PDB file of all heavy atoms in Angstrom:
ATOM      1  N   CYS A   1      -1.246  10.062  -1.981  1.00  0.00           N
ATOM      2  CA  CYS A   1      -1.858   9.267  -0.924  1.00  0.00           C
ATOM      3  C   CYS A   1      -3.019   8.487  -1.522  1.00  0.00           C
ATOM      4  O   CYS A   1      -3.891   9.066  -2.192  1.00  0.00           O
ATOM      5  CB  CYS A   1      -2.347  10.168   0.201  1.00  0.00           C
ATOM      6  SG  CYS A   1      -3.197   9.280   1.518  1.00  0.00           S
ATOM      7  N   VAL A   2      -3.059   7.176  -1.287  1.00  0.00           N
ATOM      8  CA  VAL A   2      -4.069   6.329  -1.920  1.00  0.00           C
ATOM      9  C   VAL A   2      -4.514   5.247  -0.949  1.00  0.00           C
ATOM     10  O   VAL A   2      -3.729   4.711  -0.163  1.00  0.00           O
ATOM     11  CB  VAL A   2      -3.510   5.691  -3.220  1.00  0.00           C
ATOM     12  CG1 VAL A   2      -2.323   4.805  -2.924  1.00  0.00           C
ATOM     13  CG2 VAL A   2      -4.588   4.924  -3.972  1.00  0.00           C
ATOM     14  N   LEU A   3      -5.812   4.939  -0.975  1.00  0.00           N
ATOM     15  CA  LEU A   3      -6.351   3.814  -0.223  1.00  0.00           C
ATOM     16  C   LEU A   3      -6.200   2.560  -1.067  1.00  0.00           C
ATOM     17  O   LEU A   3      -6.534   2.561  -2.258  1.00  0.00           O
ATOM     18  CB  LEU A   3      -7.828   4.039   0.107  1.00  0.00           C
ATOM     19  CG  LEU A   3      -8.507   2.884   0.854  1.00  0.00           C
ATOM     20  CD1 LEU A   3      -8.024   2.826   2.297  1.00  0.00           C
ATOM     21  CD2 LEU A   3     -10.019   3.014   0.796  1.00  0.00           C
ATOM     22  N   CYS A   4      -5.696   1.489  -0.447  1.00  0.00           N
ATOM     23  CA  CYS A   4      -5.454   0.245  -1.177  1.00  0.00           C
ATOM     24  C   CYS A   4      -6.098  -0.943  -0.486  1.00  0.00           C
ATOM     25  O   CYS A   4      -6.358  -0.919   0.724  1.00  0.00           O
ATOM     26  CB  CYS A   4      -3.951  -0.025  -1.289  1.00  0.00           C
ATOM     27  SG  CYS A   4      -3.066   1.155  -2.306  1.00  0.00           S
ATOM     28  N   LYS A   5      -6.318  -1.972  -1.270  1.00  0.00           N
ATOM     29  CA  LYS A   5      -6.659  -3.273  -0.718  1.00  0.00           C
ATOM     30  C   LYS A   5      -5.350  -4.040  -0.582  1.00  0.00           C
ATOM     31  O   LYS A   5      -4.567  -4.102  -1.529  1.00  0.00           O
ATOM     32  CB  LYS A   5      -7.617  -4.003  -1.654  1.00  0.00           C
ATOM     33  CG  LYS A   5      -8.070  -5.363  -1.139  1.00  0.00           C
ATOM     34  CD  LYS A   5      -8.864  -6.111  -2.186  1.00  0.00           C
ATOM     35  CE  LYS A   5      -7.939  -6.616  -3.287  1.00  0.00           C
ATOM     36  NZ  LYS A   5      -8.628  -7.460  -4.277  1.00  0.00           N
ATOM     37  N   ALA A   6      -5.099  -4.597   0.594  1.00  0.00           N
ATOM     38  CA  ALA A   6      -3.865  -5.339   0.850  1.00  0.00           C
ATOM     39  C   ALA A   6      -4.186  -6.810   1.045  1.00  0.00           C
ATOM     40  O   ALA A   6      -5.124  -7.167   1.768  1.00  0.00           O
ATOM     41  CB  ALA A   6      -3.168  -4.790   2.090  1.00  0.00           C
ATOM     42  N   LYS A   7      -3.381  -7.669   0.411  1.00  0.00           N
ATOM     43  CA  LYS A   7      -3.613  -9.117   0.537  1.00  0.00           C
ATOM     44  C   LYS A   7      -2.274  -9.839   0.556  1.00  0.00           C
ATOM     45  O   LYS A   7      -1.475  -9.717  -0.377  1.00  0.00           O
ATOM     46  CB  LYS A   7      -4.471  -9.629  -0.618  1.00  0.00           C
ATOM     47  CG  LYS A   7      -4.953 -11.069  -0.440  1.00  0.00           C
ATOM     48  CD  LYS A   7      -5.960 -11.431  -1.512  1.00  0.00           C
ATOM     49  CE  LYS A   7      -6.551 -12.807  -1.260  1.00  0.00           C
ATOM     50  NZ  LYS A   7      -7.587 -13.163  -2.269  1.00  0.00           N
ATOM     51  N   ALA A   8      -2.004 -10.563   1.629  1.00  0.00           N
ATOM     52  CA  ALA A   8      -0.758 -11.312   1.732  1.00  0.00           C
ATOM     53  C   ALA A   8      -0.734 -12.398   0.656  1.00  0.00           C
ATOM     54  O   ALA A   8      -1.758 -13.010   0.342  1.00  0.00           O
ATOM     55  CB  ALA A   8      -0.637 -11.943   3.118  1.00  0.00           C
ATOM     56  N   THR A   9       0.443 -12.632   0.101  1.00  0.00           N
ATOM     57  CA  THR A   9       0.575 -13.612  -0.981  1.00  0.00           C
ATOM     58  C   THR A   9       0.799 -15.011  -0.405  1.00  0.00           C
ATOM     59  O   THR A   9       1.826 -15.656  -0.610  1.00  0.00           O
ATOM     60  CB  THR A   9       1.734 -13.230  -1.917  1.00  0.00           C
ATOM     61  OG1 THR A   9       2.926 -13.026  -1.116  1.00  0.00           O
ATOM     62  CG2 THR A   9       1.417 -11.962  -2.675  1.00  0.00           C
ATOM     63  N   VAL A  10      -0.188 -15.446   0.388  1.00  0.00           N
ATOM     64  CA  VAL A  10      -0.189 -16.795   0.959  1.00  0.00           C
ATOM     65  C   VAL A  10      -1.586 -17.370   0.755  1.00  0.00           C
ATOM     66  O   VAL A  10      -2.557 -16.620   0.578  1.00  0.00           O
ATOM     67  CB  VAL A  10       0.160 -16.779   2.462  1.00  0.00           C
ATOM     68  CG1 VAL A  10       1.574 -16.280   2.674  1.00  0.00           C
ATOM     69  CG2 VAL A  10      -0.833 -15.919   3.242  1.00  0.00           C
ATOM     70  N   PRO A  11      -1.712 -18.689   0.750  1.00  0.00           N
ATOM     71  CA  PRO A  11      -3.034 -19.292   0.523  1.00  0.00           C
ATOM     72  C   PRO A  11      -4.068 -18.841   1.545  1.00  0.00           C
ATOM     73  O   PRO A  11      -3.768 -18.690   2.737  1.00  0.00           O
ATOM     74  CB  PRO A  11      -2.748 -20.805   0.650  1.00  0.00           C
ATOM     75  CG  PRO A  11      -1.299 -20.934   0.333  1.00  0.00           C
ATOM     76  CD  PRO A  11      -0.656 -19.703   0.862  1.00  0.00           C
ATOM     77  N   ASP A  12      -5.279 -18.589   1.056  1.00  0.00           N
ATOM     78  CA  ASP A  12      -6.435 -18.262   1.901  1.00  0.00           C
ATOM     79  C   ASP A  12      -6.280 -16.958   2.688  1.00  0.00           C
ATOM     80  O   ASP A  12      -6.932 -16.757   3.715  1.00  0.00           O
ATOM     81  CB  ASP A  12      -6.744 -19.402   2.877  1.00  0.00           C
ATOM     82  CG  ASP A  12      -7.008 -20.718   2.164  1.00  0.00           C
ATOM     83  OD1 ASP A  12      -7.671 -20.689   1.108  1.00  0.00           O
ATOM     84  OD2 ASP A  12      -6.538 -21.754   2.650  1.00  0.00           O
ATOM     85  N   ALA A  13      -5.414 -16.070   2.228  1.00  0.00           N
ATOM     86  CA  ALA A  13      -5.238 -14.782   2.913  1.00  0.00           C
ATOM     87  C   ALA A  13      -6.467 -13.905   2.715  1.00  0.00           C
ATOM     88  O   ALA A  13      -7.079 -13.901   1.644  1.00  0.00           O
ATOM     89  CB  ALA A  13      -4.002 -14.070   2.394  1.00  0.00           C
ATOM     90  N   GLU A  14      -6.838 -13.157   3.749  1.00  0.00           N
ATOM     91  CA  GLU A  14      -7.958 -12.224   3.664  1.00  0.00           C
ATOM     92  C   GLU A  14      -7.451 -10.836   3.277  1.00  0.00           C
ATOM     93  O   GLU A  14      -6.363 -10.429   3.672  1.00  0.00           O
ATOM     94  CB  GLU A  14      -8.703 -12.154   4.997  1.00  0.00           C
ATOM     95  CG  GLU A  14      -9.393 -13.455   5.381  1.00  0.00           C
ATOM     96  CD  GLU A  14     -10.219 -13.308   6.642  1.00  0.00           C
ATOM     97  OE1 GLU A  14     -10.181 -12.212   7.253  1.00  0.00           O
ATOM     98  OE2 GLU A  14     -10.904 -14.274   7.019  1.00  0.00           O
ATOM     99  N   SER A  15      -8.265 -10.111   2.534  1.00  0.00           N
ATOM    100  CA  SER A  15      -7.911  -8.757   2.117  1.00  0.00           C
ATOM    101  C   SER A  15      -8.302  -7.753   3.193  1.00  0.00           C
ATOM    102  O   SER A  15      -9.349  -7.892   3.837  1.00  0.00           O
ATOM    103  CB  SER A  15      -8.603  -8.402   0.795  1.00  0.00           C
ATOM    104  OG  SER A  15      -8.183  -9.256  -0.241  1.00  0.00           O
ATOM    105  N   THR A  16      -7.462  -6.741   3.374  1.00  0.00           N
ATOM    106  CA  THR A  16      -7.749  -5.655   4.309  1.00  0.00           C
ATOM    107  C   THR A  16      -7.437  -4.324   3.625  1.00  0.00           C
ATOM    108  O   THR A  16      -6.847  -4.284   2.544  1.00  0.00           O
ATOM    109  CB  THR A  16      -6.896  -5.779   5.586  1.00  0.00           C
ATOM    110  OG1 THR A  16      -5.513  -5.818   5.216  1.00  0.00           O
ATOM    111  CG2 THR A  16      -7.263  -7.043   6.361  1.00  0.00           C
ATOM    112  N   TYR A  17      -7.815  -3.225   4.280  1.00  0.00           N
ATOM    113  CA  TYR A  17      -7.547  -1.905   3.724  1.00  0.00           C
ATOM    114  C   TYR A  17      -6.261  -1.317   4.314  1.00  0.00           C
ATOM    115  O   TYR A  17      -5.924  -1.543   5.477  1.00  0.00           O
ATOM    116  CB  TYR A  17      -8.710  -0.952   4.003  1.00  0.00           C
ATOM    117  CG  TYR A  17      -9.908  -1.218   3.116  1.00  0.00           C
ATOM    118  CD1 TYR A  17     -11.113  -1.685   3.663  1.00  0.00           C
ATOM    119  CD2 TYR A  17      -9.840  -1.021   1.741  1.00  0.00           C
ATOM    120  CE1 TYR A  17     -12.207  -1.941   2.850  1.00  0.00           C
ATOM    121  CE2 TYR A  17     -10.929  -1.280   0.920  1.00  0.00           C
ATOM    122  CZ  TYR A  17     -12.106  -1.746   1.480  1.00  0.00           C
ATOM    123  OH  TYR A  17     -13.181  -1.997   0.660  1.00  0.00           O
ATOM    124  N   ALA A  18      -5.551  -0.551   3.484  1.00  0.00           N
ATOM    125  CA  ALA A  18      -4.322   0.139   3.910  1.00  0.00           C
ATOM    126  C   ALA A  18      -4.233   1.472   3.185  1.00  0.00           C
ATOM    127  O   ALA A  18      -4.717   1.607   2.058  1.00  0.00           O
ATOM    128  CB  ALA A  18      -3.094  -0.716   3.597  1.00  0.00           C
ATOM    129  N   ILE A  19      -3.644   2.459   3.838  1.00  0.00           N
ATOM    130  CA  ILE A  19      -3.383   3.753   3.212  1.00  0.00           C
ATOM    131  C   ILE A  19      -1.894   3.836   2.895  1.00  0.00           C
ATOM    132  O   ILE A  19      -1.051   3.651   3.780  1.00  0.00           O
ATOM    133  CB  ILE A  19      -3.797   4.923   4.119  1.00  0.00           C
ATOM    134  CG1 ILE A  19      -5.324   4.953   4.270  1.00  0.00           C
ATOM    135  CG2 ILE A  19      -3.312   6.253   3.547  1.00  0.00           C
ATOM    136  CD1 ILE A  19      -5.827   6.038   5.201  1.00  0.00           C
ATOM    137  N   ILE A  20      -1.577   4.085   1.629  1.00  0.00           N
ATOM    138  CA  ILE A  20      -0.186   4.134   1.187  1.00  0.00           C
ATOM    139  C   ILE A  20       0.141   5.530   0.666  1.00  0.00           C
ATOM    140  O   ILE A  20      -0.664   6.138  -0.042  1.00  0.00           O
ATOM    141  CB  ILE A  20       0.071   3.100   0.073  1.00  0.00           C
ATOM    142  CG1 ILE A  20      -0.070   1.681   0.629  1.00  0.00           C
ATOM    143  CG2 ILE A  20       1.464   3.282  -0.538  1.00  0.00           C
ATOM    144  CD1 ILE A  20       0.207   0.599  -0.388  1.00  0.00           C
ATOM    145  N   CYS A  21       1.306   6.036   1.018  1.00  0.00           N
ATOM    146  CA  CYS A  21       1.806   7.280   0.443  1.00  0.00           C
ATOM    147  C   CYS A  21       3.050   6.981  -0.391  1.00  0.00           C
ATOM    148  O   CYS A  21       3.905   6.190  -0.002  1.00  0.00           O
ATOM    149  CB  CYS A  21       2.130   8.301   1.527  1.00  0.00           C
ATOM    150  SG  CYS A  21       0.642   9.055   2.211  1.00  0.00           S
ATOM    151  N   ILE A  22       3.134   7.633  -1.544  1.00  0.00           N
ATOM    152  CA  ILE A  22       4.189   7.396  -2.522  1.00  0.00           C
ATOM    153  C   ILE A  22       4.864   8.716  -2.861  1.00  0.00           C
ATOM    154  O   ILE A  22       4.197   9.736  -3.056  1.00  0.00           O
ATOM    155  CB  ILE A  22       3.605   6.766  -3.804  1.00  0.00           C
ATOM    156  CG1 ILE A  22       3.137   5.340  -3.511  1.00  0.00           C
ATOM    157  CG2 ILE A  22       4.612   6.776  -4.949  1.00  0.00           C
ATOM    158  CD1 ILE A  22       2.353   4.717  -4.649  1.00  0.00           C
ATOM    159  N   TYR A  23       6.194   8.697  -2.908  1.00  0.00           N
ATOM    160  CA  TYR A  23       6.952   9.868  -3.341  1.00  0.00           C
ATOM    161  C   TYR A  23       7.363   9.673  -4.797  1.00  0.00           C
ATOM    162  O   TYR A  23       8.028   8.693  -5.137  1.00  0.00           O
ATOM    163  CB  TYR A  23       8.189  10.070  -2.470  1.00  0.00           C
ATOM    164  CG  TYR A  23       9.139  11.119  -3.007  1.00  0.00           C
ATOM    165  CD1 TYR A  23       8.730  12.445  -3.163  1.00  0.00           C
ATOM    166  CD2 TYR A  23      10.441  10.789  -3.368  1.00  0.00           C
ATOM    167  CE1 TYR A  23       9.591  13.403  -3.668  1.00  0.00           C
ATOM    168  CE2 TYR A  23      11.313  11.744  -3.871  1.00  0.00           C
ATOM    169  CZ  TYR A  23      10.881  13.047  -4.013  1.00  0.00           C
ATOM    170  OH  TYR A  23      11.737  13.993  -4.520  1.00  0.00           O
ATOM    171  N   GLU A  24       6.973  10.621  -5.656  1.00  0.00           N
ATOM    172  CA  GLU A  24       7.348  10.627  -7.071  1.00  0.00           C
ATOM    173  C   GLU A  24       8.317  11.777  -7.298  1.00  0.00           C
ATOM    174  O   GLU A  24       7.969  12.937  -7.059  1.00  0.00           O
ATOM    175  CB  GLU A  24       6.110  10.802  -7.942  1.00  0.00           C
ATOM    176  CG  GLU A  24       6.404  10.885  -9.433  1.00  0.00           C
ATOM    177  CD  GLU A  24       5.206  11.360 -10.235  1.00  0.00           C
ATOM    178  OE1 GLU A  24       4.195  11.780  -9.633  1.00  0.00           O
ATOM    179  OE2 GLU A  24       5.294  11.342 -11.476  1.00  0.00           O
ATOM    180  N   ASP A  25       9.558  11.479  -7.716  1.00  0.00           N
ATOM    181  CA  ASP A  25      10.527  12.548  -7.888  1.00  0.00           C
ATOM    182  C   ASP A  25      10.364  13.212  -9.254  1.00  0.00           C
ATOM    183  O   ASP A  25       9.484  12.870 -10.042  1.00  0.00           O
ATOM    184  CB  ASP A  25      11.954  12.050  -7.654  1.00  0.00           C
ATOM    185  CG  ASP A  25      12.467  11.111  -8.747  1.00  0.00           C
ATOM    186  OD1 ASP A  25      11.902  11.100  -9.860  1.00  0.00           O
ATOM    187  OD2 ASP A  25      13.447  10.393  -8.491  1.00  0.00           O
ATOM    188  N   LEU A  26      11.226  14.177  -9.531  1.00  0.00           N
ATOM    189  CA  LEU A  26      11.099  14.972 -10.754  1.00  0.00           C
ATOM    190  C   LEU A  26      11.477  14.204 -12.006  1.00  0.00           C
ATOM    191  O   LEU A  26      11.249  14.668 -13.116  1.00  0.00           O
ATOM    192  CB  LEU A  26      11.963  16.228 -10.635  1.00  0.00           C
ATOM    193  CG  LEU A  26      11.541  17.187  -9.518  1.00  0.00           C
ATOM    194  CD1 LEU A  26      12.558  18.286  -9.351  1.00  0.00           C
ATOM    195  CD2 LEU A  26      10.171  17.758  -9.782  1.00  0.00           C
ATOM    196  N   ASN A  27      12.060  13.022 -11.827  1.00  0.00           N
ATOM    197  CA  ASN A  27      12.404  12.182 -12.966  1.00  0.00           C
ATOM    198  C   ASN A  27      11.428  11.019 -13.126  1.00  0.00           C
ATOM    199  O   ASN A  27      11.738  10.033 -13.791  1.00  0.00           O
ATOM    200  CB  ASN A  27      13.830  11.651 -12.806  1.00  0.00           C
ATOM    201  CG  ASN A  27      14.851  12.764 -12.798  1.00  0.00           C
ATOM    202  OD1 ASN A  27      14.875  13.580 -13.709  1.00  0.00           O
ATOM    203  ND2 ASN A  27      15.667  12.817 -11.761  1.00  0.00           N
ATOM    204  N   SER A  28      10.267  11.146 -12.473  1.00  0.00           N
ATOM    205  CA  SER A  28       9.200  10.150 -12.542  1.00  0.00           C
ATOM    206  C   SER A  28       9.564   8.821 -11.893  1.00  0.00           C
ATOM    207  O   SER A  28       8.922   7.802 -12.155  1.00  0.00           O
ATOM    208  CB  SER A  28       8.763   9.916 -14.003  1.00  0.00           C
ATOM    209  OG  SER A  28       8.242  11.104 -14.557  1.00  0.00           O
ATOM    210  N   ASN A  29      10.599   8.809 -11.047  1.00  0.00           N
ATOM    211  CA  ASN A  29      10.859   7.646 -10.209  1.00  0.00           C
ATOM    212  C   ASN A  29       9.883   7.690  -9.039  1.00  0.00           C
ATOM    213  O   ASN A  29       9.457   8.765  -8.624  1.00  0.00           O
ATOM    214  CB  ASN A  29      12.296   7.651  -9.696  1.00  0.00           C
ATOM    215  CG  ASN A  29      13.299   7.599 -10.833  1.00  0.00           C
ATOM    216  OD1 ASN A  29      13.180   6.785 -11.739  1.00  0.00           O
ATOM    217  ND2 ASN A  29      14.281   8.491 -10.805  1.00  0.00           N
ATOM    218  N   ALA A  30       9.534   6.544  -8.501  1.00  0.00           N
ATOM    219  CA  ALA A  30       8.538   6.507  -7.430  1.00  0.00           C
ATOM    220  C   ALA A  30       8.924   5.478  -6.383  1.00  0.00           C
ATOM    221  O   ALA A  30       9.450   4.411  -6.706  1.00  0.00           O
ATOM    222  CB  ALA A  30       7.155   6.187  -8.005  1.00  0.00           C
ATOM    223  N   SER A  31       8.645   5.802  -5.115  1.00  0.00           N
ATOM    224  CA  SER A  31       8.928   4.878  -4.024  1.00  0.00           C
ATOM    225  C   SER A  31       7.913   5.090  -2.911  1.00  0.00           C
ATOM    226  O   SER A  31       7.372   6.183  -2.732  1.00  0.00           O
ATOM    227  CB  SER A  31      10.339   5.087  -3.481  1.00  0.00           C
ATOM    228  OG  SER A  31      10.498   6.429  -3.031  1.00  0.00           O
ATOM    229  N   ILE A  32       7.657   4.032  -2.154  1.00  0.00           N
ATOM    230  CA  ILE A  32       6.727   4.106  -1.032  1.00  0.00           C
ATOM    231  C   ILE A  32       7.403   4.818   0.134  1.00  0.00           C
ATOM    232  O   ILE A  32       8.553   4.539   0.465  1.00  0.00           O
ATOM    233  CB  ILE A  32       6.286   2.698  -0.599  1.00  0.00           C
ATOM    234  CG1 ILE A  32       5.393   2.076  -1.678  1.00  0.00           C
ATOM    235  CG2 ILE A  32       5.540   2.734   0.731  1.00  0.00           C
ATOM    236  CD1 ILE A  32       4.997   0.649  -1.384  1.00  0.00           C
ATOM    237  N   THR A  33       6.668   5.756   0.749  1.00  0.00           N
ATOM    238  CA  THR A  33       7.201   6.445   1.918  1.00  0.00           C
ATOM    239  C   THR A  33       6.500   6.007   3.197  1.00  0.00           C
ATOM    240  O   THR A  33       7.131   5.942   4.245  1.00  0.00           O
ATOM    241  CB  THR A  33       7.075   7.969   1.766  1.00  0.00           C
ATOM    242  OG1 THR A  33       5.721   8.312   1.454  1.00  0.00           O
ATOM    243  CG2 THR A  33       7.993   8.477   0.670  1.00  0.00           C
ATOM    244  N   THR A  34       5.202   5.747   3.151  1.00  0.00           N
ATOM    245  CA  THR A  34       4.501   5.257   4.346  1.00  0.00           C
ATOM    246  C   THR A  34       3.394   4.301   3.943  1.00  0.00           C
ATOM    247  O   THR A  34       2.803   4.421   2.870  1.00  0.00           O
ATOM    248  CB  THR A  34       3.852   6.399   5.171  1.00  0.00           C
ATOM    249  OG1 THR A  34       2.895   7.078   4.367  1.00  0.00           O
ATOM    250  CG2 THR A  34       4.890   7.369   5.684  1.00  0.00           C
ATOM    251  N   ILE A  35       3.131   3.355   4.836  1.00  0.00           N
ATOM    252  CA  ILE A  35       1.993   2.450   4.682  1.00  0.00           C
ATOM    253  C   ILE A  35       1.310   2.322   6.034  1.00  0.00           C
ATOM    254  O   ILE A  35       1.950   1.990   7.026  1.00  0.00           O
ATOM    255  CB  ILE A  35       2.418   1.048   4.197  1.00  0.00           C
ATOM    256  CG1 ILE A  35       3.150   1.133   2.867  1.00  0.00           C
ATOM    257  CG2 ILE A  35       1.206   0.141   4.076  1.00  0.00           C
ATOM    258  CD1 ILE A  35       3.643  -0.207   2.351  1.00  0.00           C
ATOM    259  N   ARG A  36       0.015   2.611   6.065  1.00  0.00           N
ATOM    260  CA  ARG A  36      -0.773   2.426   7.288  1.00  0.00           C
ATOM    261  C   ARG A  36      -1.671   1.216   7.093  1.00  0.00           C
ATOM    262  O   ARG A  36      -2.607   1.247   6.307  1.00  0.00           O
ATOM    263  CB  ARG A  36      -1.613   3.660   7.598  1.00  0.00           C
ATOM    264  CG  ARG A  36      -0.817   4.885   7.984  1.00  0.00           C
ATOM    265  CD  ARG A  36      -1.743   6.039   8.329  1.00  0.00           C
ATOM    266  NE  ARG A  36      -2.453   5.807   9.572  1.00  0.00           N
ATOM    267  CZ  ARG A  36      -3.448   6.577  10.003  1.00  0.00           C
ATOM    268  NH1 ARG A  36      -3.874   7.573   9.276  1.00  0.00           N
ATOM    269  NH2 ARG A  36      -4.042   6.312  11.157  1.00  0.00           N
ATOM    270  N   GLU A  37      -1.378   0.168   7.818  1.00  0.00           N
ATOM    271  CA  GLU A  37      -2.152  -1.057   7.725  1.00  0.00           C
ATOM    272  C   GLU A  37      -3.411  -0.966   8.580  1.00  0.00           C
ATOM    273  O   GLU A  37      -3.571  -0.052   9.389  1.00  0.00           O
ATOM    274  CB  GLU A  37      -1.311  -2.250   8.174  1.00  0.00           C
ATOM    275  CG  GLU A  37      -0.224  -2.635   7.197  1.00  0.00           C
ATOM    276  CD  GLU A  37      -0.755  -3.414   6.016  1.00  0.00           C
ATOM    277  OE1 GLU A  37      -1.988  -3.620   5.934  1.00  0.00           O
ATOM    278  OE2 GLU A  37       0.050  -3.808   5.169  1.00  0.00           O
ATOM    279  N   SER A  38      -4.290  -1.914   8.420  1.00  0.00           N
ATOM    280  CA  SER A  38      -5.461  -2.052   9.279  1.00  0.00           C
ATOM    281  C   SER A  38      -5.876  -3.512   9.284  1.00  0.00           C
ATOM    282  O   SER A  38      -5.381  -4.318   8.499  1.00  0.00           O
ATOM    283  CB  SER A  38      -6.613  -1.176   8.778  1.00  0.00           C
ATOM    284  OG  SER A  38      -7.266  -1.803   7.675  1.00  0.00           O
ATOM    285  N   ASN A  39      -6.796  -3.836  10.172  1.00  0.00           N
ATOM    286  CA  ASN A  39      -7.419  -5.163  10.180  1.00  0.00           C
ATOM    287  C   ASN A  39      -8.835  -5.091   9.622  1.00  0.00           C
ATOM    288  O   ASN A  39      -9.647  -5.986   9.857  1.00  0.00           O
ATOM    289  CB  ASN A  39      -7.440  -5.719  11.609  1.00  0.00           C
ATOM    290  CG  ASN A  39      -6.047  -5.991  12.140  1.00  0.00           C
ATOM    291  OD1 ASN A  39      -5.206  -6.498  11.408  1.00  0.00           O
ATOM    292  ND2 ASN A  39      -5.794  -5.640  13.392  1.00  0.00           N
ATOM    293  N   ILE A  40      -9.116  -4.035   8.865  1.00  0.00           N
ATOM    294  CA  ILE A  40     -10.461  -3.822   8.323  1.00  0.00           C
ATOM    295  C   ILE A  40     -10.649  -4.703   7.094  1.00  0.00           C
ATOM    296  O   ILE A  40      -9.899  -4.574   6.123  1.00  0.00           O
ATOM    297  CB  ILE A  40     -10.663  -2.346   7.942  1.00  0.00           C
ATOM    298  CG1 ILE A  40     -10.329  -1.439   9.120  1.00  0.00           C
ATOM    299  CG2 ILE A  40     -12.088  -2.111   7.453  1.00  0.00           C
ATOM    300  CD1 ILE A  40     -10.233   0.039   8.753  1.00  0.00           C
TER     301      ILE A  40
END
């Protein structure tokens, strides 16, 4: 679980905070399982 800065890849986009959870399997593969966005 990690806190991230999120920024849309469009001109003049503002950055906000998001909490992301990642699943890492036993073979070191990784994928996103949840993302909680905010307007912060």
